[in-house]
Amino acid sequence: RLAAAETKQSSLKGSANHIASVGPSVDSPTLQYSMILEHLIGDKRPVKDLNPAVMGGLPVPPKSDEQKMIERGMESCAFKSLLACVGGFVLGGAFGVFTAGIDTNVGIDPKDPLRTPTAREVLKDMGQRGMSYAKNFAIVGAMFSCTECIIESHRGKSDWKNAVYSGCVTGGAIGFRAGLKAGVLGCGGFAAFSAAIEYYLR
């Protein structure tokens, strides 16, 4: 039995020495690790196209020519100006009616200020003021949106400077009707207001 145990122990030592002699060198694990990194996060990493259908989501069909044309139209400066014009008209009309509602002089005849105005006269005056505010807001909104879109397309950037430049152009164009000084003041005031709004929104 002792001889058999010694023979078995010597055979195990021989096997261990053989495995150690044919095993990988010290540099081979590092080399294999670097190769794995190259395939996982390196340049050799395969780029997979994330398909929603494979990931469990709904497949997205390719866009048709009509859809692309509609998207281009909605992103155009003309559509943005029209949208701003309609929004400004609605907002201006509501603001005009509101200011007319809190004004105590609505419907009063300047020739006879002591006479109490009728409900029809009050509503007529409120409508006229609302329409006046709506037109002004619509013009300002369309001008501002159009100039901002043109400036953004020309600069190729979407930042706060576009709103400032557009505000200066819009305010200057409106103010120049009353003179050069009014145009300069309108440019500076509208640009400062646009910068404040952009700073608050961003």
N, C-alpha and C. Protein backbone atom coordinates (compact mmCIF):
# COMPACT_ATOMS: atom_id res chain seq x y z
N ARG A 1 0.82 -1.21 0.00
CA ARG A 1 0.00 0.00 0.00
C ARG A 1 0.85 1.25 0.00
N LEU A 2 1.91 1.27 0.80
CA LEU A 2 2.79 2.43 0.85
C LEU A 2 3.42 2.69 -0.50
N ALA A 3 3.82 1.62 -1.17
CA ALA A 3 4.43 1.78 -2.50
C ALA A 3 3.41 2.31 -3.49
N ALA A 4 2.17 1.84 -3.39
CA ALA A 4 1.13 2.32 -4.31
C ALA A 4 0.83 3.79 -4.07
N ALA A 5 0.81 4.23 -2.80
CA ALA A 5 0.55 5.64 -2.49
C ALA A 5 1.66 6.52 -3.02
N GLU A 6 2.91 6.07 -2.86
CA GLU A 6 4.04 6.87 -3.37
C GLU A 6 3.98 6.97 -4.88
N THR A 7 3.61 5.86 -5.53
CA THR A 7 3.51 5.88 -7.00
C THR A 7 2.41 6.84 -7.45
N LYS A 8 1.25 6.86 -6.76
CA LYS A 8 0.14 7.76 -7.12
C LYS A 8 0.52 9.22 -6.89
N GLN A 9 1.26 9.49 -5.77
CA GLN A 9 1.67 10.86 -5.47
C GLN A 9 2.66 11.36 -6.51
N SER A 10 3.59 10.50 -6.93
CA SER A 10 4.57 10.90 -7.93
C SER A 10 3.90 11.17 -9.27
N SER A 11 2.85 10.38 -9.58
CA SER A 11 2.14 10.61 -10.85
C SER A 11 1.37 11.91 -10.83
N LEU A 12 0.77 12.28 -9.68
CA LEU A 12 0.06 13.55 -9.57
C LEU A 12 1.01 14.72 -9.71
N LYS A 13 2.20 14.61 -9.09
CA LYS A 13 3.20 15.69 -9.23
C LYS A 13 3.63 15.84 -10.68
N GLY A 14 3.78 14.72 -11.36
CA GLY A 14 4.17 14.79 -12.76
C GLY A 14 3.11 15.46 -13.61
N SER A 15 1.86 15.15 -13.32
CA SER A 15 0.77 15.77 -14.07
C SER A 15 0.71 17.27 -13.81
N ALA A 16 0.91 17.66 -12.54
CA ALA A 16 0.89 19.08 -12.22
C ALA A 16 2.02 19.82 -12.92
N ASN A 17 3.20 19.21 -12.92
CA ASN A 17 4.33 19.84 -13.61
C ASN A 17 4.07 19.97 -15.10
N HIS A 18 3.41 18.96 -15.67
CA HIS A 18 3.12 19.00 -17.10
C HIS A 18 2.13 20.12 -17.43
N ILE A 19 1.09 20.28 -16.58
CA ILE A 19 0.10 21.35 -16.80
C ILE A 19 0.74 22.71 -16.65
N ALA A 20 1.63 22.86 -15.67
CA ALA A 20 2.30 24.14 -15.47
C ALA A 20 3.23 24.47 -16.63
N SER A 21 3.84 23.42 -17.21
CA SER A 21 4.77 23.67 -18.31
C SER A 21 4.06 24.06 -19.58
N VAL A 22 2.85 23.50 -19.82
CA VAL A 22 2.13 23.81 -21.05
C VAL A 22 1.10 24.91 -20.85
N GLY A 23 0.95 25.47 -19.63
CA GLY A 23 -0.05 26.49 -19.36
C GLY A 23 0.31 27.81 -20.02
N PRO A 24 -0.61 28.80 -19.99
CA PRO A 24 -0.36 30.10 -20.62
C PRO A 24 0.71 30.85 -19.87
N SER A 25 1.41 31.67 -20.61
CA SER A 25 2.46 32.49 -20.02
C SER A 25 1.87 33.65 -19.26
N VAL A 26 2.72 34.48 -18.69
CA VAL A 26 2.24 35.61 -17.89
C VAL A 26 1.59 36.66 -18.76
N ASP A 27 2.08 36.80 -20.01
CA ASP A 27 1.56 37.86 -20.87
C ASP A 27 0.27 37.48 -21.58
N SER A 28 -0.01 36.17 -21.68
CA SER A 28 -1.18 35.76 -22.44
C SER A 28 -2.50 36.20 -21.81
N PRO A 29 -2.69 36.14 -20.47
CA PRO A 29 -3.96 36.65 -19.93
C PRO A 29 -4.17 38.12 -20.21
N THR A 30 -3.10 38.94 -20.14
CA THR A 30 -3.22 40.37 -20.43
C THR A 30 -3.60 40.59 -21.88
N LEU A 31 -3.00 39.81 -22.77
CA LEU A 31 -3.32 39.93 -24.19
C LEU A 31 -4.77 39.56 -24.46
N GLN A 32 -5.22 38.48 -23.86
CA GLN A 32 -6.60 38.07 -24.06
C GLN A 32 -7.57 39.09 -23.47
N TYR A 33 -7.24 39.67 -22.35
CA TYR A 33 -8.09 40.68 -21.73
C TYR A 33 -8.20 41.93 -22.61
N SER A 34 -7.08 42.34 -23.20
CA SER A 34 -7.12 43.51 -24.09
C SER A 34 -7.92 43.21 -25.34
N MET A 35 -7.83 41.98 -25.85
CA MET A 35 -8.63 41.63 -27.01
C MET A 35 -10.12 41.65 -26.69
N ILE A 36 -10.47 41.18 -25.49
CA ILE A 36 -11.88 41.21 -25.08
C ILE A 36 -12.38 42.65 -24.97
N LEU A 37 -11.54 43.53 -24.42
CA LEU A 37 -11.92 44.94 -24.31
C LEU A 37 -12.10 45.57 -25.68
N GLU A 38 -11.26 45.20 -26.64
CA GLU A 38 -11.39 45.74 -27.99
C GLU A 38 -12.74 45.37 -28.59
N HIS A 39 -13.18 44.14 -28.34
CA HIS A 39 -14.45 43.69 -28.91
C HIS A 39 -15.66 44.20 -28.14
N LEU A 40 -15.45 44.57 -26.86
CA LEU A 40 -16.58 45.03 -26.05
C LEU A 40 -16.77 46.53 -26.13
N ILE A 41 -15.69 47.30 -25.93
CA ILE A 41 -15.81 48.76 -25.89
C ILE A 41 -14.85 49.45 -26.84
N GLY A 42 -14.06 48.71 -27.61
CA GLY A 42 -13.07 49.31 -28.49
C GLY A 42 -13.61 49.56 -29.88
N ASP A 43 -12.66 49.72 -30.83
CA ASP A 43 -13.03 49.99 -32.21
C ASP A 43 -13.66 48.80 -32.90
N LYS A 44 -13.37 47.61 -32.41
CA LYS A 44 -13.90 46.39 -33.02
C LYS A 44 -15.29 46.03 -32.52
N ARG A 45 -15.84 46.87 -31.67
CA ARG A 45 -17.18 46.58 -31.13
C ARG A 45 -18.21 46.70 -32.25
N PRO A 46 -19.03 45.71 -32.47
CA PRO A 46 -20.04 45.79 -33.54
C PRO A 46 -21.16 46.75 -33.15
N VAL A 47 -21.55 47.59 -34.08
CA VAL A 47 -22.64 48.55 -33.85
C VAL A 47 -23.94 47.90 -34.28
N LYS A 48 -24.85 47.79 -33.34
CA LYS A 48 -26.12 47.13 -33.60
C LYS A 48 -27.20 48.17 -33.83
N ASP A 49 -28.03 47.90 -34.80
CA ASP A 49 -29.17 48.76 -35.08
C ASP A 49 -30.32 48.39 -34.15
N LEU A 50 -30.70 49.35 -33.30
CA LEU A 50 -31.73 49.07 -32.31
C LEU A 50 -33.09 49.11 -32.99
N ASN A 51 -33.61 47.97 -33.27
CA ASN A 51 -34.91 47.85 -33.89
C ASN A 51 -35.97 47.76 -32.79
N PRO A 52 -36.97 48.65 -32.80
CA PRO A 52 -38.00 48.57 -31.75
C PRO A 52 -38.73 47.24 -31.71
N ALA A 53 -38.86 46.59 -32.87
CA ALA A 53 -39.55 45.30 -32.88
C ALA A 53 -38.75 44.24 -32.15
N VAL A 54 -37.42 44.28 -32.28
CA VAL A 54 -36.58 43.32 -31.58
C VAL A 54 -36.57 43.59 -30.09
N MET A 55 -36.62 44.87 -29.71
CA MET A 55 -36.58 45.24 -28.29
C MET A 55 -37.93 45.11 -27.60
N GLY A 56 -38.93 44.66 -28.32
CA GLY A 56 -40.24 44.46 -27.71
C GLY A 56 -41.21 45.59 -27.96
N GLY A 57 -40.77 46.64 -28.67
CA GLY A 57 -41.66 47.75 -28.97
C GLY A 57 -42.35 47.56 -30.30
N LEU A 58 -43.15 48.55 -30.67
CA LEU A 58 -43.86 48.49 -31.93
C LEU A 58 -42.93 48.91 -33.06
N PRO A 59 -42.95 48.22 -34.18
CA PRO A 59 -42.10 48.61 -35.30
C PRO A 59 -42.55 49.94 -35.89
N VAL A 60 -41.59 50.78 -36.26
CA VAL A 60 -41.87 52.08 -36.84
C VAL A 60 -41.80 51.97 -38.35
N PRO A 61 -42.90 52.17 -39.05
CA PRO A 61 -42.86 52.05 -40.51
C PRO A 61 -42.10 53.23 -41.11
N PRO A 62 -41.51 53.05 -42.26
CA PRO A 62 -40.80 54.17 -42.92
C PRO A 62 -41.77 55.27 -43.31
N LYS A 63 -41.29 56.50 -43.26
CA LYS A 63 -42.14 57.65 -43.57
C LYS A 63 -42.33 57.77 -45.07
N SER A 64 -43.54 58.10 -45.43
CA SER A 64 -43.86 58.28 -46.85
C SER A 64 -43.43 59.68 -47.30
N ASP A 65 -43.52 59.90 -48.61
CA ASP A 65 -43.15 61.21 -49.15
C ASP A 65 -44.10 62.30 -48.68
N GLU A 66 -45.37 61.95 -48.52
CA GLU A 66 -46.34 62.94 -48.04
C GLU A 66 -46.04 63.35 -46.60
N GLN A 67 -45.67 62.38 -45.75
CA GLN A 67 -45.34 62.70 -44.37
C GLN A 67 -44.08 63.57 -44.30
N LYS A 68 -43.09 63.25 -45.11
CA LYS A 68 -41.87 64.07 -45.13
C LYS A 68 -42.18 65.48 -45.62
N MET A 69 -43.06 65.60 -46.61
CA MET A 69 -43.41 66.92 -47.11
C MET A 69 -44.16 67.72 -46.06
N ILE A 70 -45.04 67.06 -45.30
CA ILE A 70 -45.78 67.75 -44.24
C ILE A 70 -44.83 68.20 -43.14
N GLU A 71 -43.86 67.35 -42.78
CA GLU A 71 -42.89 67.74 -41.75
C GLU A 71 -42.04 68.92 -42.20
N ARG A 72 -41.61 68.91 -43.46
CA ARG A 72 -40.85 70.05 -43.97
C ARG A 72 -41.69 71.32 -43.96
N GLY A 73 -42.97 71.18 -44.30
CA GLY A 73 -43.84 72.35 -44.28
C GLY A 73 -44.06 72.90 -42.88
N MET A 74 -44.19 72.01 -41.90
CA MET A 74 -44.39 72.45 -40.52
C MET A 74 -43.12 73.07 -39.93
N GLU A 75 -41.97 72.68 -40.45
CA GLU A 75 -40.72 73.26 -39.96
C GLU A 75 -40.29 74.50 -40.73
N SER A 76 -41.06 74.90 -41.72
CA SER A 76 -40.69 76.06 -42.53
C SER A 76 -40.99 77.35 -41.79
N CYS A 77 -40.33 78.41 -42.22
CA CYS A 77 -40.53 79.71 -41.59
C CYS A 77 -41.93 80.26 -41.84
N ALA A 78 -42.51 79.94 -43.00
CA ALA A 78 -43.84 80.45 -43.31
C ALA A 78 -44.88 79.86 -42.36
N PHE A 79 -44.78 78.57 -42.09
CA PHE A 79 -45.74 77.95 -41.17
C PHE A 79 -45.56 78.47 -39.75
N LYS A 80 -44.31 78.63 -39.32
CA LYS A 80 -44.06 79.16 -37.98
C LYS A 80 -44.60 80.59 -37.86
N SER A 81 -44.43 81.39 -38.90
CA SER A 81 -44.94 82.76 -38.87
C SER A 81 -46.46 82.77 -38.83
N LEU A 82 -47.09 81.89 -39.62
CA LEU A 82 -48.55 81.82 -39.61
C LEU A 82 -49.07 81.37 -38.25
N LEU A 83 -48.40 80.39 -37.65
CA LEU A 83 -48.81 79.92 -36.33
C LEU A 83 -48.67 81.02 -35.28
N ALA A 84 -47.56 81.76 -35.34
CA ALA A 84 -47.36 82.86 -34.40
C ALA A 84 -48.38 83.98 -34.63
N CYS A 85 -48.73 84.20 -35.89
CA CYS A 85 -49.72 85.23 -36.20
C CYS A 85 -51.08 84.88 -35.61
N VAL A 86 -51.49 83.62 -35.79
CA VAL A 86 -52.79 83.19 -35.24
C VAL A 86 -52.76 83.23 -33.72
N GLY A 87 -51.65 82.75 -33.13
CA GLY A 87 -51.55 82.78 -31.67
C GLY A 87 -51.54 84.20 -31.12
N GLY A 88 -50.83 85.09 -31.81
CA GLY A 88 -50.81 86.49 -31.38
C GLY A 88 -52.17 87.14 -31.52
N PHE A 89 -52.91 86.78 -32.58
CA PHE A 89 -54.25 87.35 -32.77
C PHE A 89 -55.17 86.94 -31.63
N VAL A 90 -55.14 85.66 -31.28
CA VAL A 90 -56.01 85.17 -30.20
C VAL A 90 -55.60 85.79 -28.86
N LEU A 91 -54.29 85.79 -28.59
CA LEU A 91 -53.82 86.35 -27.32
C LEU A 91 -54.09 87.85 -27.23
N GLY A 92 -53.85 88.56 -28.34
CA GLY A 92 -54.11 90.00 -28.34
C GLY A 92 -55.58 90.33 -28.16
N GLY A 93 -56.45 89.55 -28.81
CA GLY A 93 -57.88 89.78 -28.65
C GLY A 93 -58.34 89.56 -27.22
N ALA A 94 -57.84 88.49 -26.60
CA ALA A 94 -58.20 88.23 -25.21
C ALA A 94 -57.67 89.31 -24.28
N PHE A 95 -56.45 89.77 -24.55
CA PHE A 95 -55.88 90.82 -23.71
C PHE A 95 -56.64 92.13 -23.89
N GLY A 96 -57.03 92.44 -25.12
CA GLY A 96 -57.78 93.67 -25.37
C GLY A 96 -59.14 93.66 -24.69
N VAL A 97 -59.83 92.53 -24.76
CA VAL A 97 -61.14 92.42 -24.10
C VAL A 97 -60.99 92.52 -22.59
N PHE A 98 -59.91 91.93 -22.06
CA PHE A 98 -59.69 91.99 -20.61
C PHE A 98 -59.42 93.41 -20.15
N THR A 99 -58.55 94.11 -20.87
CA THR A 99 -58.26 95.51 -20.48
C THR A 99 -59.49 96.41 -20.64
N ALA A 100 -60.29 96.10 -21.65
CA ALA A 100 -61.51 96.90 -21.82
C ALA A 100 -62.52 96.60 -20.72
N GLY A 101 -62.49 95.39 -20.21
CA GLY A 101 -63.43 95.04 -19.15
C GLY A 101 -63.13 95.71 -17.83
N ILE A 102 -61.86 96.01 -17.57
CA ILE A 102 -61.51 96.66 -16.30
C ILE A 102 -61.38 98.18 -16.46
N ASP A 103 -61.60 98.67 -17.67
CA ASP A 103 -61.54 100.11 -17.90
C ASP A 103 -62.91 100.72 -17.63
N THR A 104 -62.92 101.73 -16.80
CA THR A 104 -64.21 102.36 -16.43
C THR A 104 -64.72 103.32 -17.49
N ASN A 105 -63.87 103.66 -18.45
CA ASN A 105 -64.29 104.61 -19.48
C ASN A 105 -64.79 103.94 -20.75
N VAL A 106 -64.97 102.64 -20.72
CA VAL A 106 -65.44 101.92 -21.90
C VAL A 106 -66.89 102.28 -22.18
N GLY A 107 -67.17 102.63 -23.43
CA GLY A 107 -68.54 102.95 -23.85
C GLY A 107 -68.98 104.36 -23.55
N ILE A 108 -68.18 105.14 -22.88
CA ILE A 108 -68.57 106.51 -22.54
C ILE A 108 -68.33 107.42 -23.75
N ASP A 109 -69.32 108.22 -24.05
CA ASP A 109 -69.22 109.16 -25.16
C ASP A 109 -68.46 110.40 -24.71
N PRO A 110 -67.36 110.79 -25.38
CA PRO A 110 -66.62 111.98 -24.95
C PRO A 110 -67.44 113.26 -25.01
N LYS A 111 -68.44 113.30 -25.90
CA LYS A 111 -69.27 114.50 -26.01
C LYS A 111 -70.24 114.63 -24.84
N ASP A 112 -70.64 113.49 -24.29
CA ASP A 112 -71.57 113.49 -23.17
C ASP A 112 -71.08 112.49 -22.12
N PRO A 113 -70.06 112.85 -21.35
CA PRO A 113 -69.48 111.89 -20.40
C PRO A 113 -70.40 111.53 -19.24
N LEU A 114 -71.41 112.32 -18.98
CA LEU A 114 -72.31 112.03 -17.86
C LEU A 114 -73.38 111.01 -18.21
N ARG A 115 -73.55 110.72 -19.48
CA ARG A 115 -74.58 109.76 -19.88
C ARG A 115 -74.10 108.34 -19.64
N THR A 116 -74.94 107.51 -19.10
CA THR A 116 -74.59 106.12 -18.83
C THR A 116 -74.63 105.32 -20.12
N PRO A 117 -73.52 104.65 -20.46
CA PRO A 117 -73.51 103.90 -21.73
C PRO A 117 -74.38 102.65 -21.63
N THR A 118 -74.89 102.25 -22.78
CA THR A 118 -75.71 101.04 -22.83
C THR A 118 -74.79 99.82 -22.97
N ALA A 119 -75.40 98.65 -22.77
CA ALA A 119 -74.63 97.41 -22.88
C ALA A 119 -74.12 97.21 -24.30
N ARG A 120 -74.89 97.63 -25.28
CA ARG A 120 -74.45 97.49 -26.68
C ARG A 120 -73.23 98.36 -26.95
N GLU A 121 -73.24 99.57 -26.42
CA GLU A 121 -72.09 100.45 -26.62
C GLU A 121 -70.85 99.92 -25.91
N VAL A 122 -71.02 99.36 -24.74
CA VAL A 122 -69.88 98.78 -24.02
C VAL A 122 -69.30 97.59 -24.78
N LEU A 123 -70.17 96.70 -25.26
CA LEU A 123 -69.70 95.55 -26.01
C LEU A 123 -69.02 95.96 -27.31
N LYS A 124 -69.56 96.98 -27.95
CA LYS A 124 -68.97 97.46 -29.20
C LYS A 124 -67.57 98.02 -28.94
N ASP A 125 -67.43 98.80 -27.88
CA ASP A 125 -66.12 99.35 -27.54
C ASP A 125 -65.14 98.26 -27.15
N MET A 126 -65.59 97.27 -26.42
CA MET A 126 -64.73 96.14 -26.05
C MET A 126 -64.29 95.35 -27.28
N GLY A 127 -65.21 95.15 -28.22
CA GLY A 127 -64.86 94.45 -29.45
C GLY A 127 -63.84 95.21 -30.29
N GLN A 128 -64.01 96.52 -30.38
CA GLN A 128 -63.06 97.33 -31.14
C GLN A 128 -61.67 97.31 -30.51
N ARG A 129 -61.63 97.41 -29.20
CA ARG A 129 -60.33 97.37 -28.54
C ARG A 129 -59.69 95.98 -28.66
N GLY A 130 -60.50 94.95 -28.51
CA GLY A 130 -59.96 93.60 -28.66
C GLY A 130 -59.43 93.36 -30.07
N MET A 131 -60.13 93.83 -31.10
CA MET A 131 -59.66 93.66 -32.47
C MET A 131 -58.39 94.45 -32.72
N SER A 132 -58.28 95.64 -32.14
CA SER A 132 -57.06 96.44 -32.30
C SER A 132 -55.86 95.75 -31.67
N TYR A 133 -56.04 95.25 -30.46
CA TYR A 133 -54.95 94.52 -29.79
C TYR A 133 -54.61 93.24 -30.55
N ALA A 134 -55.63 92.55 -31.08
CA ALA A 134 -55.40 91.31 -31.80
C ALA A 134 -54.57 91.54 -33.06
N LYS A 135 -54.86 92.61 -33.80
CA LYS A 135 -54.09 92.91 -35.01
C LYS A 135 -52.64 93.24 -34.67
N ASN A 136 -52.44 94.05 -33.64
CA ASN A 136 -51.07 94.42 -33.26
C ASN A 136 -50.27 93.21 -32.79
N PHE A 137 -50.87 92.38 -31.96
CA PHE A 137 -50.18 91.19 -31.48
C PHE A 137 -49.88 90.21 -32.62
N ALA A 138 -50.81 90.11 -33.58
CA ALA A 138 -50.60 89.20 -34.71
C ALA A 138 -49.43 89.67 -35.57
N ILE A 139 -49.34 90.97 -35.82
CA ILE A 139 -48.24 91.51 -36.63
C ILE A 139 -46.91 91.32 -35.92
N VAL A 140 -46.87 91.63 -34.64
CA VAL A 140 -45.62 91.48 -33.88
C VAL A 140 -45.20 90.01 -33.81
N GLY A 141 -46.16 89.12 -33.55
CA GLY A 141 -45.84 87.70 -33.47
C GLY A 141 -45.32 87.14 -34.78
N ALA A 142 -45.97 87.52 -35.89
CA ALA A 142 -45.52 87.03 -37.20
C ALA A 142 -44.14 87.57 -37.55
N MET A 143 -43.89 88.85 -37.29
CA MET A 143 -42.58 89.44 -37.58
C MET A 143 -41.49 88.80 -36.74
N PHE A 144 -41.76 88.63 -35.46
CA PHE A 144 -40.75 88.06 -34.57
C PHE A 144 -40.44 86.61 -34.95
N SER A 145 -41.47 85.82 -35.20
CA SER A 145 -41.25 84.41 -35.53
C SER A 145 -40.54 84.26 -36.86
N CYS A 146 -40.91 85.06 -37.85
CA CYS A 146 -40.29 84.97 -39.17
C CYS A 146 -38.82 85.37 -39.11
N THR A 147 -38.51 86.49 -38.47
CA THR A 147 -37.12 86.93 -38.38
C THR A 147 -36.27 85.97 -37.55
N GLU A 148 -36.84 85.41 -36.49
CA GLU A 148 -36.09 84.45 -35.69
C GLU A 148 -35.78 83.19 -36.49
N CYS A 149 -36.75 82.72 -37.28
CA CYS A 149 -36.53 81.53 -38.09
C CYS A 149 -35.47 81.79 -39.15
N ILE A 150 -35.51 82.95 -39.77
CA ILE A 150 -34.52 83.28 -40.81
C ILE A 150 -33.13 83.40 -40.20
N ILE A 151 -33.03 84.06 -39.06
CA ILE A 151 -31.73 84.22 -38.40
C ILE A 151 -31.20 82.87 -37.94
N GLU A 152 -32.07 82.03 -37.40
CA GLU A 152 -31.63 80.70 -36.96
C GLU A 152 -31.15 79.85 -38.13
N SER A 153 -31.85 79.93 -39.28
CA SER A 153 -31.42 79.18 -40.46
C SER A 153 -30.10 79.71 -41.00
N HIS A 154 -29.90 81.02 -40.92
CA HIS A 154 -28.67 81.61 -41.42
C HIS A 154 -27.48 81.29 -40.52
N ARG A 155 -27.69 81.34 -39.21
CA ARG A 155 -26.60 81.07 -38.26
C ARG A 155 -26.35 79.58 -38.08
N GLY A 156 -27.37 78.77 -38.26
CA GLY A 156 -27.23 77.33 -38.05
C GLY A 156 -27.14 76.95 -36.59
N LYS A 157 -27.63 77.82 -35.70
CA LYS A 157 -27.60 77.56 -34.27
C LYS A 157 -28.95 77.92 -33.66
N SER A 158 -29.29 77.24 -32.58
CA SER A 158 -30.52 77.53 -31.86
C SER A 158 -30.15 77.91 -30.43
N ASP A 159 -29.98 79.21 -30.20
CA ASP A 159 -29.62 79.70 -28.88
C ASP A 159 -30.35 81.00 -28.60
N TRP A 160 -30.00 81.65 -27.49
CA TRP A 160 -30.70 82.86 -27.06
C TRP A 160 -30.41 84.05 -27.97
N LYS A 161 -29.31 84.01 -28.71
CA LYS A 161 -28.97 85.14 -29.57
C LYS A 161 -29.98 85.33 -30.69
N ASN A 162 -30.58 84.25 -31.16
CA ASN A 162 -31.57 84.37 -32.23
C ASN A 162 -32.75 85.22 -31.79
N ALA A 163 -33.23 84.98 -30.57
CA ALA A 163 -34.36 85.75 -30.06
C ALA A 163 -33.99 87.22 -29.85
N VAL A 164 -32.76 87.47 -29.40
CA VAL A 164 -32.32 88.85 -29.18
C VAL A 164 -32.23 89.60 -30.51
N TYR A 165 -31.61 88.98 -31.50
CA TYR A 165 -31.52 89.62 -32.82
C TYR A 165 -32.90 89.84 -33.43
N SER A 166 -33.75 88.84 -33.30
CA SER A 166 -35.10 88.97 -33.85
C SER A 166 -35.89 90.05 -33.12
N GLY A 167 -35.73 90.13 -31.80
CA GLY A 167 -36.41 91.19 -31.05
C GLY A 167 -35.95 92.57 -31.46
N CYS A 168 -34.65 92.72 -31.70
CA CYS A 168 -34.14 94.01 -32.14
C CYS A 168 -34.70 94.40 -33.50
N VAL A 169 -34.72 93.44 -34.43
CA VAL A 169 -35.25 93.73 -35.76
C VAL A 169 -36.74 94.08 -35.69
N THR A 170 -37.49 93.30 -34.92
CA THR A 170 -38.94 93.54 -34.83
C THR A 170 -39.23 94.87 -34.14
N GLY A 171 -38.59 95.11 -33.01
CA GLY A 171 -38.82 96.38 -32.31
C GLY A 171 -38.36 97.58 -33.11
N GLY A 172 -37.24 97.43 -33.81
CA GLY A 172 -36.75 98.54 -34.63
C GLY A 172 -37.68 98.82 -35.80
N ALA A 173 -38.20 97.77 -36.44
CA ALA A 173 -39.10 97.97 -37.58
C ALA A 173 -40.40 98.64 -37.14
N ILE A 174 -40.90 98.27 -35.98
CA ILE A 174 -42.13 98.90 -35.49
C ILE A 174 -41.87 100.33 -35.04
N GLY A 175 -40.72 100.56 -34.38
CA GLY A 175 -40.44 101.88 -33.86
C GLY A 175 -40.04 102.88 -34.91
N PHE A 176 -39.48 102.41 -36.03
CA PHE A 176 -39.02 103.34 -37.07
C PHE A 176 -40.16 104.09 -37.73
N ARG A 177 -41.38 103.64 -37.55
CA ARG A 177 -42.52 104.38 -38.10
C ARG A 177 -42.70 105.72 -37.39
N ALA A 178 -42.21 105.79 -36.15
CA ALA A 178 -42.31 107.06 -35.40
C ALA A 178 -41.01 107.85 -35.40
N GLY A 179 -39.98 107.37 -36.13
CA GLY A 179 -38.73 108.11 -36.18
C GLY A 179 -37.54 107.23 -35.83
N LEU A 180 -36.36 107.81 -36.04
CA LEU A 180 -35.13 107.06 -35.79
C LEU A 180 -34.94 106.77 -34.31
N LYS A 181 -35.20 107.74 -33.47
CA LYS A 181 -35.02 107.56 -32.03
C LYS A 181 -35.95 106.49 -31.50
N ALA A 182 -37.19 106.51 -31.94
CA ALA A 182 -38.15 105.51 -31.50
C ALA A 182 -37.75 104.12 -32.01
N GLY A 183 -37.16 104.07 -33.20
CA GLY A 183 -36.70 102.79 -33.72
C GLY A 183 -35.56 102.21 -32.90
N VAL A 184 -34.62 103.06 -32.52
CA VAL A 184 -33.50 102.59 -31.71
C VAL A 184 -33.98 102.13 -30.34
N LEU A 185 -34.88 102.90 -29.74
CA LEU A 185 -35.42 102.51 -28.44
C LEU A 185 -36.23 101.21 -28.55
N GLY A 186 -36.99 101.10 -29.63
CA GLY A 186 -37.76 99.87 -29.82
C GLY A 186 -36.87 98.66 -30.01
N CYS A 187 -35.78 98.84 -30.74
CA CYS A 187 -34.83 97.75 -30.95
C CYS A 187 -34.22 97.30 -29.62
N GLY A 188 -33.73 98.26 -28.84
CA GLY A 188 -33.10 97.92 -27.57
C GLY A 188 -34.08 97.34 -26.56
N GLY A 189 -35.27 97.93 -26.49
CA GLY A 189 -36.26 97.44 -25.53
C GLY A 189 -36.76 96.06 -25.86
N PHE A 190 -37.05 95.82 -27.14
CA PHE A 190 -37.55 94.51 -27.53
C PHE A 190 -36.47 93.45 -27.41
N ALA A 191 -35.21 93.82 -27.70
CA ALA A 191 -34.11 92.86 -27.56
C ALA A 191 -33.90 92.50 -26.09
N ALA A 192 -33.97 93.49 -25.21
CA ALA A 192 -33.81 93.21 -23.78
C ALA A 192 -34.96 92.35 -23.26
N PHE A 193 -36.17 92.62 -23.73
CA PHE A 193 -37.31 91.81 -23.31
C PHE A 193 -37.17 90.37 -23.81
N SER A 194 -36.72 90.20 -25.05
CA SER A 194 -36.52 88.86 -25.59
C SER A 194 -35.43 88.11 -24.83
N ALA A 195 -34.35 88.82 -24.48
CA ALA A 195 -33.27 88.18 -23.72
C ALA A 195 -33.77 87.74 -22.35
N ALA A 196 -34.60 88.56 -21.71
CA ALA A 196 -35.13 88.19 -20.40
C ALA A 196 -36.05 86.97 -20.50
N ILE A 197 -36.86 86.92 -21.54
CA ILE A 197 -37.76 85.77 -21.71
C ILE A 197 -36.96 84.51 -21.99
N GLU A 198 -35.93 84.61 -22.83
CA GLU A 198 -35.09 83.44 -23.13
C GLU A 198 -34.35 82.96 -21.88
N TYR A 199 -33.87 83.90 -21.09
CA TYR A 199 -33.17 83.52 -19.87
C TYR A 199 -34.11 82.82 -18.90
N TYR A 200 -35.35 83.28 -18.83
CA TYR A 200 -36.33 82.65 -17.93
C TYR A 200 -36.72 81.26 -18.43
N LEU A 201 -36.88 81.12 -19.75
CA LEU A 201 -37.32 79.83 -20.31
C LEU A 201 -36.20 78.79 -20.30
N ARG A 202 -34.98 79.23 -20.51
CA ARG A 202 -33.85 78.29 -20.57
C ARG A 202 -33.25 78.06 -19.19
